[in-house]
Amino acid sequence: MNAVGAIVKRNLLNFVRDKGQLLGTILMPLFFLFIFSFLMKSAMSGFAQPMNYLIAGIIIMTVFQGSISNSTAILSDIASGFMREILVAPISRTQISVGHILSASVISVLQGLLLTLISLLIGLRLDPIHLAEMIGVMALAGVTFGSIGLFLATVSRNSASFQIISAIVVMPFTFLSGAYIPTTIMPKFLMPLVYLNPLTYLTSIFRFISLKMEHTPTAALVQEGVAYNIHGFLITPGLGLLITLLIGLVFLFLCVRQFDKADFSNVKVAARRH
């Protein structure tokens, strides 16, 4: 575990030192909040708390995108030659991959918490219990999509390929999750893709917690896009959480296995300056 902790600490320090990434963590979600609060104002008029509904979606989307993008840290290690050096250390590849997944998760949760603190200033109301539950969902999102991100990074093994592959994954996941555009106003032909999107269920459970909808009737949850009725089969936020957990475990296994058998010997290393 010392090796895992060292990798997490190193990636956290690199993130904190990157002022551009820190600034983007704050500005981009606020930009989306500003734009979508105007674009979706009329479409969300039927929701009880339209602004908080939108804020919750943007927070979980920040965690999702952060966990995917922070997986690129391993690509920098590959390109710089650091990966070759760490592979000869007396630690297992499993520890290396788990360290990168945890660091991506921790960083994305910190990004989500930062946005949550800002959201408290513009109207979001939380108590300690609901905040703790939100952090738990953010952690699950970070590990799940950090695993997916590391899997994609390990398969591509260079930043250009990763950017293309991640764009193919991130764009549909983003706009078919209900985070920005409520699933209740999406065309019916897109709904099968919405149901197959794991981010859909994370967004639902996150809104369920942050908007304190524990006592909301199931019919109302379906009407507000927090629960889903698929031809009589009801997916509640709790069931959606279990689905996401299962997907996270599958990709955690796949990315660790892919990393264990990856061959980094033929990867071109950037020349180092002395």
C-alpha atoms as a PDB file:
ATOM      1  CA  MET A   1       0.000   0.000   0.000  1.00  0.00           C
ATOM      2  CA  ASN A   2       2.981   2.347   0.436  1.00  0.00           C
ATOM      3  CA  ALA A   3       3.582   2.164  -3.314  1.00  0.00           C
ATOM      4  CA  VAL A   4      -0.073   2.948  -4.047  1.00  0.00           C
ATOM      5  CA  GLY A   5       0.020   5.880  -1.634  1.00  0.00           C
ATOM      6  CA  ALA A   6       3.223   7.207  -3.214  1.00  0.00           C
ATOM      7  CA  ILE A   7       1.636   7.187  -6.684  1.00  0.00           C
ATOM      8  CA  VAL A   8      -1.496   8.929  -5.381  1.00  0.00           C
ATOM      9  CA  LYS A   9       0.602  11.580  -3.593  1.00  0.00           C
ATOM     10  CA  ARG A  10       2.746  12.179  -6.676  1.00  0.00           C
ATOM     11  CA  ASN A  11      -0.251  12.634  -8.978  1.00  0.00           C
ATOM     12  CA  LEU A  12      -1.960  14.919  -6.466  1.00  0.00           C
ATOM     13  CA  LEU A  13       1.131  17.131  -6.288  1.00  0.00           C
ATOM     14  CA  ASN A  14       1.301  17.278 -10.088  1.00  0.00           C
ATOM     15  CA  PHE A  15      -2.364  18.303 -10.217  1.00  0.00           C
ATOM     16  CA  VAL A  16      -1.964  21.030  -7.586  1.00  0.00           C
ATOM     17  CA  ARG A  17       1.082  22.435  -9.408  1.00  0.00           C
ATOM     18  CA  ASP A  18      -0.852  22.662 -12.677  1.00  0.00           C
ATOM     19  CA  LYS A  19      -2.494  26.074 -12.228  1.00  0.00           C
ATOM     20  CA  GLY A  20      -4.218  25.880 -15.610  1.00  0.00           C
ATOM     21  CA  GLN A  21      -5.999  22.662 -14.691  1.00  0.00           C
ATOM     22  CA  LEU A  22      -7.017  24.078 -11.330  1.00  0.00           C
ATOM     23  CA  LEU A  23      -8.466  27.179 -12.990  1.00  0.00           C
ATOM     24  CA  GLY A  24     -10.274  25.086 -15.587  1.00  0.00           C
ATOM     25  CA  THR A  25     -11.803  22.986 -12.808  1.00  0.00           C
ATOM     26  CA  ILE A  26     -13.594  26.087 -11.561  1.00  0.00           C
ATOM     27  CA  LEU A  27     -14.328  28.045 -14.731  1.00  0.00           C
ATOM     28  CA  MET A  28     -15.636  25.328 -17.069  1.00  0.00           C
ATOM     29  CA  PRO A  29     -18.429  24.047 -14.763  1.00  0.00           C
ATOM     30  CA  LEU A  30     -19.456  27.630 -13.998  1.00  0.00           C
ATOM     31  CA  PHE A  31     -19.576  28.335 -17.732  1.00  0.00           C
ATOM     32  CA  PHE A  32     -21.830  25.334 -18.311  1.00  0.00           C
ATOM     33  CA  LEU A  33     -24.002  26.356 -15.369  1.00  0.00           C
ATOM     34  CA  PHE A  34     -24.395  29.859 -16.783  1.00  0.00           C
ATOM     35  CA  ILE A  35     -25.139  28.688 -20.339  1.00  0.00           C
ATOM     36  CA  PHE A  36     -27.513  25.841 -19.499  1.00  0.00           C
ATOM     37  CA  SER A  37     -29.395  27.844 -16.872  1.00  0.00           C
ATOM     38  CA  PHE A  38     -30.525  30.087 -19.728  1.00  0.00           C
ATOM     39  CA  LEU A  39     -30.920  27.473 -22.456  1.00  0.00           C
ATOM     40  CA  MET A  40     -32.860  25.008 -20.318  1.00  0.00           C
ATOM     41  CA  LYS A  41     -34.913  27.492 -18.287  1.00  0.00           C
ATOM     42  CA  SER A  42     -38.159  26.868 -20.149  1.00  0.00           C
ATOM     43  CA  ALA A  43     -37.614  23.102 -20.488  1.00  0.00           C
ATOM     44  CA  MET A  44     -37.094  22.757 -16.713  1.00  0.00           C
ATOM     45  CA  SER A  45     -40.032  24.902 -15.638  1.00  0.00           C
ATOM     46  CA  GLY A  46     -41.897  21.815 -14.387  1.00  0.00           C
ATOM     47  CA  PHE A  47     -39.172  20.810 -11.935  1.00  0.00           C
ATOM     48  CA  ALA A  48     -39.506  21.660  -8.254  1.00  0.00           C
ATOM     49  CA  GLN A  49     -35.930  22.965  -7.915  1.00  0.00           C
ATOM     50  CA  PRO A  50     -34.722  23.640 -11.482  1.00  0.00           C
ATOM     51  CA  MET A  51     -31.455  25.376 -10.580  1.00  0.00           C
ATOM     52  CA  ASN A  52     -30.461  22.791  -7.968  1.00  0.00           C
ATOM     53  CA  TYR A  53     -31.442  20.051 -10.422  1.00  0.00           C
ATOM     54  CA  LEU A  54     -29.013  21.522 -12.931  1.00  0.00           C
ATOM     55  CA  ILE A  55     -26.275  22.164 -10.326  1.00  0.00           C
ATOM     56  CA  ALA A  56     -26.357  18.519  -9.204  1.00  0.00           C
ATOM     57  CA  GLY A  57     -25.927  17.342 -12.803  1.00  0.00           C
ATOM     58  CA  ILE A  58     -22.979  19.655 -13.415  1.00  0.00           C
ATOM     59  CA  ILE A  59     -21.222  18.545 -10.198  1.00  0.00           C
ATOM     60  CA  ILE A  60     -21.395  14.842 -11.063  1.00  0.00           C
ATOM     61  CA  MET A  61     -20.417  15.657 -14.646  1.00  0.00           C
ATOM     62  CA  THR A  62     -17.323  17.460 -13.336  1.00  0.00           C
ATOM     63  CA  VAL A  63     -16.358  14.341 -11.376  1.00  0.00           C
ATOM     64  CA  PHE A  64     -16.954  12.147 -14.439  1.00  0.00           C
ATOM     65  CA  GLN A  65     -14.900  14.262 -16.817  1.00  0.00           C
ATOM     66  CA  GLY A  66     -12.199  14.784 -14.190  1.00  0.00           C
ATOM     67  CA  SER A  67     -11.776  11.060 -13.558  1.00  0.00           C
ATOM     68  CA  ILE A  68     -11.475  10.373 -17.294  1.00  0.00           C
ATOM     69  CA  SER A  69      -9.072  13.230 -18.035  1.00  0.00           C
ATOM     70  CA  ASN A  70      -6.904  12.598 -14.969  1.00  0.00           C
ATOM     71  CA  SER A  71      -6.189   9.129 -16.326  1.00  0.00           C
ATOM     72  CA  THR A  72      -3.863  10.830 -18.813  1.00  0.00           C
ATOM     73  CA  ALA A  73      -1.259  11.039 -16.026  1.00  0.00           C
ATOM     74  CA  ILE A  74      -0.184   7.538 -16.954  1.00  0.00           C
ATOM     75  CA  LEU A  75       0.382   8.649 -20.557  1.00  0.00           C
ATOM     76  CA  SER A  76       2.798  11.316 -19.348  1.00  0.00           C
ATOM     77  CA  ASP A  77       4.645   8.641 -17.378  1.00  0.00           C
ATOM     78  CA  ILE A  78       4.851   6.454 -20.491  1.00  0.00           C
ATOM     79  CA  ALA A  79       6.007   9.284 -22.758  1.00  0.00           C
ATOM     80  CA  SER A  80       8.639  10.558 -20.309  1.00  0.00           C
ATOM     81  CA  GLY A  81      10.101   7.125 -19.631  1.00  0.00           C
ATOM     82  CA  PHE A  82       9.065   7.215 -15.971  1.00  0.00           C
ATOM     83  CA  MET A  83       6.878   4.151 -16.512  1.00  0.00           C
ATOM     84  CA  ARG A  84       9.878   2.063 -17.561  1.00  0.00           C
ATOM     85  CA  GLU A  85      11.706   3.132 -14.426  1.00  0.00           C
ATOM     86  CA  ILE A  86       8.848   2.363 -12.052  1.00  0.00           C
ATOM     87  CA  LEU A  87       8.247  -1.039 -13.661  1.00  0.00           C
ATOM     88  CA  VAL A  88      11.681  -2.212 -12.528  1.00  0.00           C
ATOM     89  CA  ALA A  89      10.921  -1.195  -8.928  1.00  0.00           C
ATOM     90  CA  PRO A  90       9.950  -3.959  -6.468  1.00  0.00           C
ATOM     91  CA  ILE A  91       6.204  -3.278  -6.769  1.00  0.00           C
ATOM     92  CA  SER A  92       3.545  -5.058  -8.765  1.00  0.00           C
ATOM     93  CA  ARG A  93       1.806  -3.685 -11.825  1.00  0.00           C
ATOM     94  CA  THR A  94      -1.479  -4.089  -9.962  1.00  0.00           C
ATOM     95  CA  GLN A  95      -0.270  -1.589  -7.346  1.00  0.00           C
ATOM     96  CA  ILE A  96       0.700   0.858 -10.100  1.00  0.00           C
ATOM     97  CA  SER A  97      -2.675   0.633 -11.835  1.00  0.00           C
ATOM     98  CA  VAL A  98      -4.617   0.867  -8.553  1.00  0.00           C
ATOM     99  CA  GLY A  99      -2.522   3.887  -7.561  1.00  0.00           C
ATOM    100  CA  HIS A 100      -3.404   5.672 -10.800  1.00  0.00           C
ATOM    101  CA  ILE A 101      -7.100   4.806 -10.450  1.00  0.00           C
ATOM    102  CA  LEU A 102      -7.216   6.059  -6.862  1.00  0.00           C
ATOM    103  CA  SER A 103      -5.352   9.252  -7.717  1.00  0.00           C
ATOM    104  CA  ALA A 104      -7.770   9.982 -10.589  1.00  0.00           C
ATOM    105  CA  SER A 105     -10.659   9.290  -8.215  1.00  0.00           C
ATOM    106  CA  VAL A 106      -9.313  11.479  -5.393  1.00  0.00           C
ATOM    107  CA  ILE A 107      -8.574  14.380  -7.733  1.00  0.00           C
ATOM    108  CA  SER A 108     -12.007  14.177  -9.391  1.00  0.00           C
ATOM    109  CA  VAL A 109     -13.730  14.070  -5.966  1.00  0.00           C
ATOM    110  CA  LEU A 110     -11.765  17.159  -4.906  1.00  0.00           C
ATOM    111  CA  GLN A 111     -12.890  18.871  -8.104  1.00  0.00           C
ATOM    112  CA  GLY A 112     -16.485  17.927  -7.321  1.00  0.00           C
ATOM    113  CA  LEU A 113     -16.183  19.168  -3.736  1.00  0.00           C
ATOM    114  CA  LEU A 114     -14.741  22.468  -4.918  1.00  0.00           C
ATOM    115  CA  LEU A 115     -17.706  22.971  -7.228  1.00  0.00           C
ATOM    116  CA  THR A 116     -20.077  21.900  -4.450  1.00  0.00           C
ATOM    117  CA  LEU A 117     -18.668  24.615  -2.169  1.00  0.00           C
ATOM    118  CA  ILE A 118     -19.187  27.187  -4.912  1.00  0.00           C
ATOM    119  CA  SER A 119     -22.725  25.865  -5.488  1.00  0.00           C
ATOM    120  CA  LEU A 120     -23.545  26.416  -1.809  1.00  0.00           C
ATOM    121  CA  LEU A 121     -22.988  30.114  -2.432  1.00  0.00           C
ATOM    122  CA  ILE A 122     -25.519  30.202  -5.293  1.00  0.00           C
ATOM    123  CA  GLY A 123     -28.394  28.343  -3.712  1.00  0.00           C
ATOM    124  CA  LEU A 124     -27.627  24.666  -3.152  1.00  0.00           C
ATOM    125  CA  ARG A 125     -28.621  23.606   0.380  1.00  0.00           C
ATOM    126  CA  LEU A 126     -27.058  20.555   2.037  1.00  0.00           C
ATOM    127  CA  ASP A 127     -26.822  19.020   5.479  1.00  0.00           C
ATOM    128  CA  PRO A 128     -23.812  16.957   6.651  1.00  0.00           C
ATOM    129  CA  ILE A 129     -25.543  13.601   6.032  1.00  0.00           C
ATOM    130  CA  HIS A 130     -26.499  14.374   2.439  1.00  0.00           C
ATOM    131  CA  LEU A 131     -23.073  15.886   1.805  1.00  0.00           C
ATOM    132  CA  ALA A 132     -21.415  12.672   3.028  1.00  0.00           C
ATOM    133  CA  GLU A 133     -23.688  10.608   0.764  1.00  0.00           C
ATOM    134  CA  MET A 134     -22.807  12.865  -2.180  1.00  0.00           C
ATOM    135  CA  ILE A 135     -19.105  12.378  -1.500  1.00  0.00           C
ATOM    136  CA  GLY A 136     -19.681   8.617  -1.519  1.00  0.00           C
ATOM    137  CA  VAL A 137     -21.368   8.820  -4.931  1.00  0.00           C
ATOM    138  CA  MET A 138     -18.554  11.031  -6.214  1.00  0.00           C
ATOM    139  CA  ALA A 139     -16.015   8.461  -5.016  1.00  0.00           C
ATOM    140  CA  LEU A 140     -17.907   5.684  -6.818  1.00  0.00           C
ATOM    141  CA  ALA A 141     -17.995   7.812  -9.974  1.00  0.00           C
ATOM    142  CA  GLY A 142     -14.285   8.528  -9.647  1.00  0.00           C
ATOM    143  CA  VAL A 143     -13.286   4.872  -9.291  1.00  0.00           C
ATOM    144  CA  THR A 144     -15.696   3.690 -12.013  1.00  0.00           C
ATOM    145  CA  PHE A 145     -14.694   6.190 -14.664  1.00  0.00           C
ATOM    146  CA  GLY A 146     -11.093   6.331 -13.472  1.00  0.00           C
ATOM    147  CA  SER A 147     -10.977   2.599 -14.248  1.00  0.00           C
ATOM    148  CA  ILE A 148     -12.545   3.188 -17.654  1.00  0.00           C
ATOM    149  CA  GLY A 149     -10.112   6.032 -18.316  1.00  0.00           C
ATOM    150  CA  LEU A 150      -7.076   3.967 -17.330  1.00  0.00           C
ATOM    151  CA  PHE A 151      -8.310   1.100 -19.488  1.00  0.00           C
ATOM    152  CA  LEU A 152      -8.588   3.434 -22.493  1.00  0.00           C
ATOM    153  CA  ALA A 153      -5.198   5.035 -21.734  1.00  0.00           C
ATOM    154  CA  THR A 154      -3.497   1.656 -21.446  1.00  0.00           C
ATOM    155  CA  VAL A 155      -5.025   0.467 -24.712  1.00  0.00           C
ATOM    156  CA  SER A 156      -4.125   3.637 -26.630  1.00  0.00           C
ATOM    157  CA  ARG A 157      -0.752   4.302 -24.872  1.00  0.00           C
ATOM    158  CA  ASN A 158      -0.347   7.741 -26.479  1.00  0.00           C
ATOM    159  CA  SER A 159      -2.138  11.026 -25.931  1.00  0.00           C
ATOM    160  CA  ALA A 160      -3.367  11.477 -29.513  1.00  0.00           C
ATOM    161  CA  SER A 161      -5.139   8.120 -29.600  1.00  0.00           C
ATOM    162  CA  PHE A 162      -6.461   8.598 -26.083  1.00  0.00           C
ATOM    163  CA  GLN A 163      -7.977  11.984 -26.949  1.00  0.00           C
ATOM    164  CA  ILE A 164      -9.825  10.478 -29.906  1.00  0.00           C
ATOM    165  CA  ILE A 165     -11.062   7.450 -27.977  1.00  0.00           C
ATOM    166  CA  SER A 166     -12.018   9.435 -24.884  1.00  0.00           C
ATOM    167  CA  ALA A 167     -13.931  11.964 -27.020  1.00  0.00           C
ATOM    168  CA  ILE A 168     -15.925   9.101 -28.519  1.00  0.00           C
ATOM    169  CA  VAL A 169     -16.763   7.944 -24.978  1.00  0.00           C
ATOM    170  CA  VAL A 170     -17.166  11.267 -23.155  1.00  0.00           C
ATOM    171  CA  MET A 171     -19.463  13.093 -25.591  1.00  0.00           C
ATOM    172  CA  PRO A 172     -22.296  10.532 -25.738  1.00  0.00           C
ATOM    173  CA  PHE A 173     -21.939   9.727 -22.034  1.00  0.00           C
ATOM    174  CA  THR A 174     -22.227  13.437 -21.233  1.00  0.00           C
ATOM    175  CA  PHE A 175     -25.244  14.398 -23.298  1.00  0.00           C
ATOM    176  CA  LEU A 176     -27.149  11.125 -22.870  1.00  0.00           C
ATOM    177  CA  SER A 177     -26.930  11.092 -19.075  1.00  0.00           C
ATOM    178  CA  GLY A 178     -29.449  13.795 -18.257  1.00  0.00           C
ATOM    179  CA  ALA A 179     -26.822  15.915 -16.502  1.00  0.00           C
ATOM    180  CA  TYR A 180     -27.205  18.890 -18.814  1.00  0.00           C
ATOM    181  CA  ILE A 181     -30.348  18.029 -20.771  1.00  0.00           C
ATOM    182  CA  PRO A 182     -33.142  16.282 -18.811  1.00  0.00           C
ATOM    183  CA  THR A 183     -33.856  12.805 -20.179  1.00  0.00           C
ATOM    184  CA  THR A 184     -37.575  13.609 -19.956  1.00  0.00           C
ATOM    185  CA  ILE A 185     -37.337  15.898 -22.993  1.00  0.00           C
ATOM    186  CA  MET A 186     -35.059  13.677 -25.105  1.00  0.00           C
ATOM    187  CA  PRO A 187     -36.441  11.977 -28.232  1.00  0.00           C
ATOM    188  CA  LYS A 188     -37.740   8.466 -27.606  1.00  0.00           C
ATOM    189  CA  PHE A 189     -35.336   6.899 -30.114  1.00  0.00           C
ATOM    190  CA  LEU A 190     -32.416   7.990 -27.895  1.00  0.00           C
ATOM    191  CA  MET A 191     -33.785   6.409 -24.722  1.00  0.00           C
ATOM    192  CA  PRO A 192     -32.210   2.946 -25.278  1.00  0.00           C
ATOM    193  CA  LEU A 193     -28.791   4.677 -25.318  1.00  0.00           C
ATOM    194  CA  VAL A 194     -29.741   6.614 -22.193  1.00  0.00           C
ATOM    195  CA  TYR A 195     -30.558   3.365 -20.385  1.00  0.00           C
ATOM    196  CA  LEU A 196     -27.242   1.801 -21.430  1.00  0.00           C
ATOM    197  CA  ASN A 197     -25.252   4.780 -20.137  1.00  0.00           C
ATOM    198  CA  PRO A 198     -23.858   4.148 -16.613  1.00  0.00           C
ATOM    199  CA  LEU A 199     -23.536   7.898 -16.080  1.00  0.00           C
ATOM    200  CA  THR A 200     -27.332   8.144 -16.350  1.00  0.00           C
ATOM    201  CA  TYR A 201     -27.773   6.226 -13.105  1.00  0.00           C
ATOM    202  CA  LEU A 202     -24.991   8.078 -11.293  1.00  0.00           C
ATOM    203  CA  THR A 203     -26.625  11.365 -12.236  1.00  0.00           C
ATOM    204  CA  SER A 204     -29.970  10.063 -10.964  1.00  0.00           C
ATOM    205  CA  ILE A 205     -28.698   8.912  -7.574  1.00  0.00           C
ATOM    206  CA  PHE A 206     -26.678  12.119  -7.182  1.00  0.00           C
ATOM    207  CA  ARG A 207     -29.772  14.241  -7.801  1.00  0.00           C
ATOM    208  CA  PHE A 208     -31.838  11.969  -5.566  1.00  0.00           C
ATOM    209  CA  ILE A 209     -29.432  12.680  -2.685  1.00  0.00           C
ATOM    210  CA  SER A 210     -28.581  16.325  -3.318  1.00  0.00           C
ATOM    211  CA  LEU A 211     -32.244  17.336  -3.799  1.00  0.00           C
ATOM    212  CA  LYS A 212     -33.362  15.269  -0.770  1.00  0.00           C
ATOM    213  CA  MET A 213     -35.941  13.265  -2.683  1.00  0.00           C
ATOM    214  CA  GLU A 214     -36.172  10.339  -0.240  1.00  0.00           C
ATOM    215  CA  HIS A 215     -39.885  10.905   0.368  1.00  0.00           C
ATOM    216  CA  THR A 216     -40.762  11.689  -3.243  1.00  0.00           C
ATOM    217  CA  PRO A 217     -43.236   9.201  -4.778  1.00  0.00           C
ATOM    218  CA  THR A 218     -41.804   6.870  -7.399  1.00  0.00           C
ATOM    219  CA  ALA A 219     -44.126   8.240 -10.077  1.00  0.00           C
ATOM    220  CA  ALA A 220     -42.768  11.726  -9.433  1.00  0.00           C
ATOM    221  CA  LEU A 221     -39.176  10.430  -9.611  1.00  0.00           C
ATOM    222  CA  VAL A 222     -39.908   8.935 -13.026  1.00  0.00           C
ATOM    223  CA  GLN A 223     -41.554  12.164 -14.143  1.00  0.00           C
ATOM    224  CA  GLU A 224     -38.474  14.183 -13.134  1.00  0.00           C
ATOM    225  CA  GLY A 225     -36.015  11.757 -14.755  1.00  0.00           C
ATOM    226  CA  VAL A 226     -34.548  10.498 -11.481  1.00  0.00           C
ATOM    227  CA  ALA A 227     -36.021   6.983 -11.860  1.00  0.00           C
ATOM    228  CA  TYR A 228     -36.738   5.104 -15.097  1.00  0.00           C
ATOM    229  CA  ASN A 229     -39.626   2.916 -16.151  1.00  0.00           C
ATOM    230  CA  ILE A 230     -38.405   0.625 -18.943  1.00  0.00           C
ATOM    231  CA  HIS A 231     -41.487  -1.179 -20.237  1.00  0.00           C
ATOM    232  CA  GLY A 232     -42.683  -1.872 -16.716  1.00  0.00           C
ATOM    233  CA  PHE A 233     -39.247  -2.539 -15.222  1.00  0.00           C
ATOM    234  CA  LEU A 234     -38.525   0.212 -12.715  1.00  0.00           C
ATOM    235  CA  ILE A 235     -34.934   1.358 -12.181  1.00  0.00           C
ATOM    236  CA  THR A 236     -34.867   3.332  -8.956  1.00  0.00           C
ATOM    237  CA  PRO A 237     -31.847   5.428  -7.917  1.00  0.00           C
ATOM    238  CA  GLY A 238     -30.789   2.652  -5.531  1.00  0.00           C
ATOM    239  CA  LEU A 239     -30.876   0.020  -8.267  1.00  0.00           C
ATOM    240  CA  GLY A 240     -29.021   2.403 -10.564  1.00  0.00           C
ATOM    241  CA  LEU A 241     -26.310   2.716  -7.923  1.00  0.00           C
ATOM    242  CA  LEU A 242     -25.908  -1.074  -7.846  1.00  0.00           C
ATOM    243  CA  ILE A 243     -25.701  -1.165 -11.657  1.00  0.00           C
ATOM    244  CA  THR A 244     -22.959   1.461 -11.609  1.00  0.00           C
ATOM    245  CA  LEU A 245     -21.084  -0.413  -8.881  1.00  0.00           C
ATOM    246  CA  LEU A 246     -21.160  -3.587 -10.980  1.00  0.00           C
ATOM    247  CA  ILE A 247     -19.883  -1.725 -14.055  1.00  0.00           C
ATOM    248  CA  GLY A 248     -17.118  -0.164 -11.944  1.00  0.00           C
ATOM    249  CA  LEU A 249     -15.981  -3.562 -10.664  1.00  0.00           C
ATOM    250  CA  VAL A 250     -15.945  -4.998 -14.190  1.00  0.00           C
ATOM    251  CA  PHE A 251     -13.798  -2.183 -15.568  1.00  0.00           C
ATOM    252  CA  LEU A 252     -11.548  -2.207 -12.494  1.00  0.00           C
ATOM    253  CA  PHE A 253     -10.812  -5.854 -13.247  1.00  0.00           C
ATOM    254  CA  LEU A 254     -10.385  -5.197 -16.974  1.00  0.00           C
ATOM    255  CA  CYS A 255      -8.040  -2.223 -16.607  1.00  0.00           C
ATOM    256  CA  VAL A 256      -5.840  -3.972 -14.011  1.00  0.00           C
ATOM    257  CA  ARG A 257      -5.662  -7.042 -16.253  1.00  0.00           C
ATOM    258  CA  GLN A 258      -4.898  -4.929 -19.350  1.00  0.00           C
ATOM    259  CA  PHE A 259      -2.197  -3.003 -17.516  1.00  0.00           C
ATOM    260  CA  ASP A 260      -0.617  -6.212 -16.191  1.00  0.00           C
ATOM    261  CA  LYS A 261      -0.126  -7.585 -19.700  1.00  0.00           C
ATOM    262  CA  ALA A 262       0.667  -4.292 -21.486  1.00  0.00           C
ATOM    263  CA  ASP A 263       4.034  -4.104 -23.251  1.00  0.00           C
ATOM    264  CA  PHE A 264       5.704  -0.738 -22.744  1.00  0.00           C
ATOM    265  CA  SER A 265       9.031  -1.750 -24.267  1.00  0.00           C
ATOM    266  CA  ASN A 266       8.143  -0.494 -27.750  1.00  0.00           C
ATOM    267  CA  VAL A 267       6.751   2.858 -26.637  1.00  0.00           C
ATOM    268  CA  LYS A 268       8.729   5.846 -27.875  1.00  0.00           C
ATOM    269  CA  VAL A 269      10.143   7.914 -25.054  1.00  0.00           C
ATOM    270  CA  ALA A 270      10.510  11.660 -25.297  1.00  0.00           C
ATOM    271  CA  ALA A 271      14.057  12.913 -24.994  1.00  0.00           C
ATOM    272  CA  ARG A 272      14.904  14.361 -21.588  1.00  0.00           C
ATOM    273  CA  ARG A 273      16.586  17.694 -21.117  1.00  0.00           C
ATOM    274  CA  HIS A 274      19.664  17.812 -18.959  1.00  0.00           C
END
